[in-house]
Protein backbone atom coordinates (compact mmCIF):
# COMPACT_ATOMS: atom_id res chain seq x y z
CA MET A 1 301.08 153.85 205.07
CA THR A 2 304.44 152.32 204.93
CA ALA A 3 307.54 152.93 207.00
CA GLY A 4 309.10 156.26 206.16
CA ALA A 5 305.74 157.87 205.10
CA ALA A 6 304.04 160.48 207.15
CA HIS A 7 302.47 159.06 210.16
CA PRO A 8 299.24 159.91 211.95
CA ARG A 9 299.57 162.70 214.48
CA SER A 10 297.23 160.94 216.97
CA ILE A 11 296.76 157.20 217.48
CA LEU A 12 294.49 155.20 219.78
CA PHE A 13 295.40 151.56 220.52
CA LEU A 14 292.10 149.64 221.43
CA CYS A 15 291.75 146.19 222.87
CA GLY A 16 289.32 144.27 225.10
CA MET A 17 290.18 145.58 228.53
CA ASN A 18 293.22 147.87 228.23
CA ALA A 19 295.18 145.52 230.47
CA ILE A 20 297.62 143.88 228.10
CA ARG A 21 297.80 144.55 224.38
CA SER A 22 296.70 148.13 224.02
CA PRO A 23 298.73 149.58 226.95
CA MET A 24 301.84 147.65 225.75
CA ALA A 25 301.33 149.03 222.25
CA GLU A 26 301.00 152.58 223.59
CA VAL A 27 304.25 152.32 225.53
CA LEU A 28 306.10 150.69 222.66
CA ALA A 29 304.81 153.32 220.26
CA ARG A 30 305.72 156.13 222.62
CA ALA A 31 309.32 154.79 222.75
CA THR A 32 309.45 154.37 219.01
CA LEU A 33 307.62 157.26 217.36
CA PRO A 34 308.82 160.88 217.23
CA PRO A 35 307.80 163.31 220.02
CA GLY A 36 304.58 165.14 219.28
CA THR A 37 302.60 162.02 218.22
CA PHE A 38 299.61 161.86 220.57
CA LEU A 39 299.25 158.39 221.75
CA ALA A 40 296.45 156.77 223.94
CA SER A 41 295.10 153.32 224.62
CA ALA A 42 291.73 152.17 225.96
CA GLY A 43 289.57 148.96 226.20
CA VAL A 44 286.10 148.21 225.28
CA ARG A 45 285.49 146.83 228.85
CA ALA A 46 286.95 147.59 232.28
CA GLY A 47 290.11 145.64 233.11
CA GLN A 48 292.76 145.34 235.71
CA ARG A 49 296.49 146.14 235.34
CA ASP A 50 298.38 142.87 234.48
CA PRO A 51 301.82 142.40 236.34
CA PHE A 52 303.20 140.33 233.35
CA VAL A 53 303.03 143.46 231.17
CA ASP A 54 305.05 145.40 233.60
CA ALA A 55 307.60 142.59 233.76
CA VAL A 56 308.09 142.33 229.99
CA LEU A 57 308.23 146.04 229.40
CA GLN A 58 310.77 146.31 232.26
CA GLU A 59 313.00 143.90 230.26
CA ARG A 60 313.17 146.59 227.51
CA GLY A 61 313.62 149.56 230.01
CA LEU A 62 310.07 150.68 229.55
CA SER A 63 307.25 151.21 232.08
CA LEU A 64 303.53 151.90 232.29
CA GLY A 65 304.34 154.18 235.17
CA ASP A 66 301.26 154.64 237.35
CA ARG A 67 298.88 154.26 234.41
CA GLN A 68 295.73 152.18 235.02
CA PRO A 69 293.44 150.55 232.45
CA GLN A 70 290.79 152.86 230.97
CA ARG A 71 287.68 152.15 228.96
CA LEU A 72 286.87 153.74 225.58
CA ASP A 73 283.90 155.48 227.20
CA ASP A 74 286.21 157.09 229.73
CA LEU A 75 288.18 159.08 227.07
CA GLU A 76 287.47 162.75 227.00
CA ASP A 77 288.09 162.97 223.29
CA ILE A 78 287.66 160.26 220.79
CA TYR A 79 288.91 162.01 217.79
CA PHE A 80 292.10 160.34 216.56
CA ASP A 81 293.68 160.17 213.16
CA LEU A 82 293.92 156.34 213.56
CA ILE A 83 292.52 153.73 215.82
CA VAL A 84 294.49 150.52 215.90
CA THR A 85 292.46 147.58 217.19
CA LEU A 86 294.13 144.62 218.57
CA ALA A 87 291.16 142.29 219.36
CA PRO A 88 287.98 141.34 217.45
CA GLU A 89 285.57 142.97 220.01
CA ALA A 90 287.67 146.17 219.89
CA HIS A 91 287.60 146.22 216.11
CA HIS A 92 283.84 145.89 216.04
CA ALA A 93 283.52 148.73 218.60
CA ALA A 94 285.89 150.93 216.60
CA LEU A 95 283.97 150.38 213.40
CA GLU A 96 280.68 151.21 215.12
CA LEU A 97 282.23 154.32 216.77
CA THR A 98 283.65 155.65 213.48
CA ARG A 99 280.75 154.96 211.30
CA SER A 100 280.08 158.74 211.04
CA LEU A 101 283.52 160.01 211.80
CA ALA A 102 286.54 160.45 209.44
CA ILE A 103 288.89 158.20 211.54
CA ASP A 104 290.91 155.41 209.93
CA VAL A 105 290.72 152.07 211.67
CA GLU A 106 293.32 149.19 211.36
CA TYR A 107 293.00 145.81 212.71
CA TRP A 108 296.20 144.17 213.93
CA PRO A 109 295.07 140.68 215.20
CA THR A 110 297.03 140.07 218.41
CA ALA A 111 296.93 137.00 220.54
CA ASP A 112 295.87 137.27 224.20
CA PRO A 113 298.84 136.10 226.21
CA SER A 114 296.72 135.78 229.38
CA ILE A 115 295.47 132.50 228.24
CA ALA A 116 299.00 130.89 228.29
CA THR A 117 299.43 128.23 230.93
CA GLY A 118 302.43 126.40 232.45
CA THR A 119 305.41 127.69 234.25
CA ARG A 120 306.01 131.41 234.87
CA GLU A 121 308.62 131.31 232.19
CA ARG A 122 306.15 129.92 229.55
CA ILE A 123 303.60 132.65 230.53
CA MET A 124 306.44 135.29 230.20
CA ASP A 125 307.37 133.95 226.89
CA ALA A 126 303.77 134.41 225.59
CA TYR A 127 303.89 138.01 226.83
CA ARG A 128 307.31 138.56 225.29
CA ASP A 129 306.02 137.24 221.96
CA VAL A 130 303.11 139.84 222.06
CA ARG A 131 305.51 142.69 222.90
CA ASP A 132 307.98 141.76 220.26
CA ARG A 133 305.27 141.30 217.60
CA LEU A 134 303.72 144.69 218.48
CA GLN A 135 307.20 146.34 218.37
CA ALA A 136 307.86 144.93 214.88
CA ARG A 137 304.34 145.95 213.65
CA ILE A 138 304.80 149.50 214.93
CA VAL A 139 308.21 149.90 213.35
CA GLU A 140 306.82 148.32 210.05
CA ARG A 141 303.82 150.57 209.94
CA PHE A 142 305.11 153.91 211.27
CA GLY A 143 308.98 153.63 211.03
CA ARG A 144 311.41 154.25 213.84
CA GLY A 145 312.03 157.33 215.86
CA GLY A 146 311.26 160.35 213.52
CA ALA A 147 311.26 158.39 210.33
């Protein structure tokens, strides 16, 4: 599906621990896609909230609010029109999950910024890079605000 085409009505962003990439993608998509699109994110494993995610979202005027990481197994409903996976383990889990379900799965390989080292600014740059790449991919794939 290209920008401007109809987009899925429900999208799940899935990564390893729902601490960095998938919650960031969920918040960015929520700010970009038209109202009425159901968005969620989860991880394959349990994770803890990452303060660098809050910091780079705040730079764009966005927030996770009081949202905490959740596992795929914690979701009440797993039927989505599309599952976007952001890490290899999440992609494998999604393919296994959807083996008998009519759910599209797309893999958007996304670096894990938590492996960045050095100064706080270098680490922030790694998180900003992920944020900006996710934003560009969301706009490229789904269009911008009501498109």
